[in-house]
Amino acid sequence: MRLLLHTIEWRTRFAMQVVRRAVGLAEQRQFGVQSLSDGLTFVLPGIESESVFTYGICDGLLAGGLRSAIRVFNWGLPFPGGFLGNLTRLDRNRRRGVDLAKQIMAYQDEYPGRPVRIIGHSGGCGVAVFAAEALPAERSVHSLVLLSGALSPMYDLSRALARVRRGILATYSHKDHLVLGWGTRLFGTTDRRFCPASGCVGFQVPRDGEADGELYRKLTQIQWHPGMIKECSHWGGHITSACEEFLVSHISPWLNGE
């Protein structure tokens, strides 16, 4: 009986959280608020919206020594029911990118000169890039990380690269063929292409001599390899690209650079 009551209570609290997020009443989760004066990092979940994977990213950033407050930006519709809309609603996702850009500028106005970083996972990578693109020409962020991004590999990153000082770090894995291979062939990428996503095959870099080739020098890509299984528990699939060990060993050192 005690276990049953506990289960009912947990499910009720979960249902209430979903409802509150759906109507915009739930506040964004924040970590290290006392570090706001050191910088702010926005973490964007995938199409599943806020989940344990989101907080795995936050834990990995903190464990990796990130000197920054962390704020989860819930850009999508909550589970259940939001998956397909979060992937396919390009118009809404671009608006959410603008919303994030406004939050970035509000922070910069209050804490001028402090670094702002954006971390996206899967479908959240699209909104992360849209946010960078939405910043005016005189604004920029420190860096942008795309973990197993659901954008198409041919998406033009030029405008986003022009708004980041350190650059963009993108991870990809050919083992992510179920979600970002067949999945995006069938349901499309966040920029509405029906092909394997950049998180599976990597971004296409412009050839030498193209106008935006210089900007692409600020793009760094990390390709999964089997040694990462033992090194940092990243098995090459869609989920382990957000695991704490991978964040500590491969993402945090790049983020902590100047």
Foldseek 3Di string as FASTA:
>chain_A
DVVVVVVVVVVVVVVVVLVCVQVVNDDWDKAPPVLLLQEEEEEEEAQQFDDVLSVLLVLLLVVLPPRHMYTYQGQWRHPDPTNLVLFEVLVSLLVSLCVVLVVVVVSCVVRPPHAYEYEYAASRLVSQLSNLLNHDQVAAHAEYEYQLYLAAQADDSLSSLSRHDQAYEYEAELVQCPCQACVCLVSNGSVRDNGRHCNNVNHDADDPPDPSNVSCVSYHYHYDDPVCCVQFVQRRYRRSSSHSSVCNPPPNVSVPDD
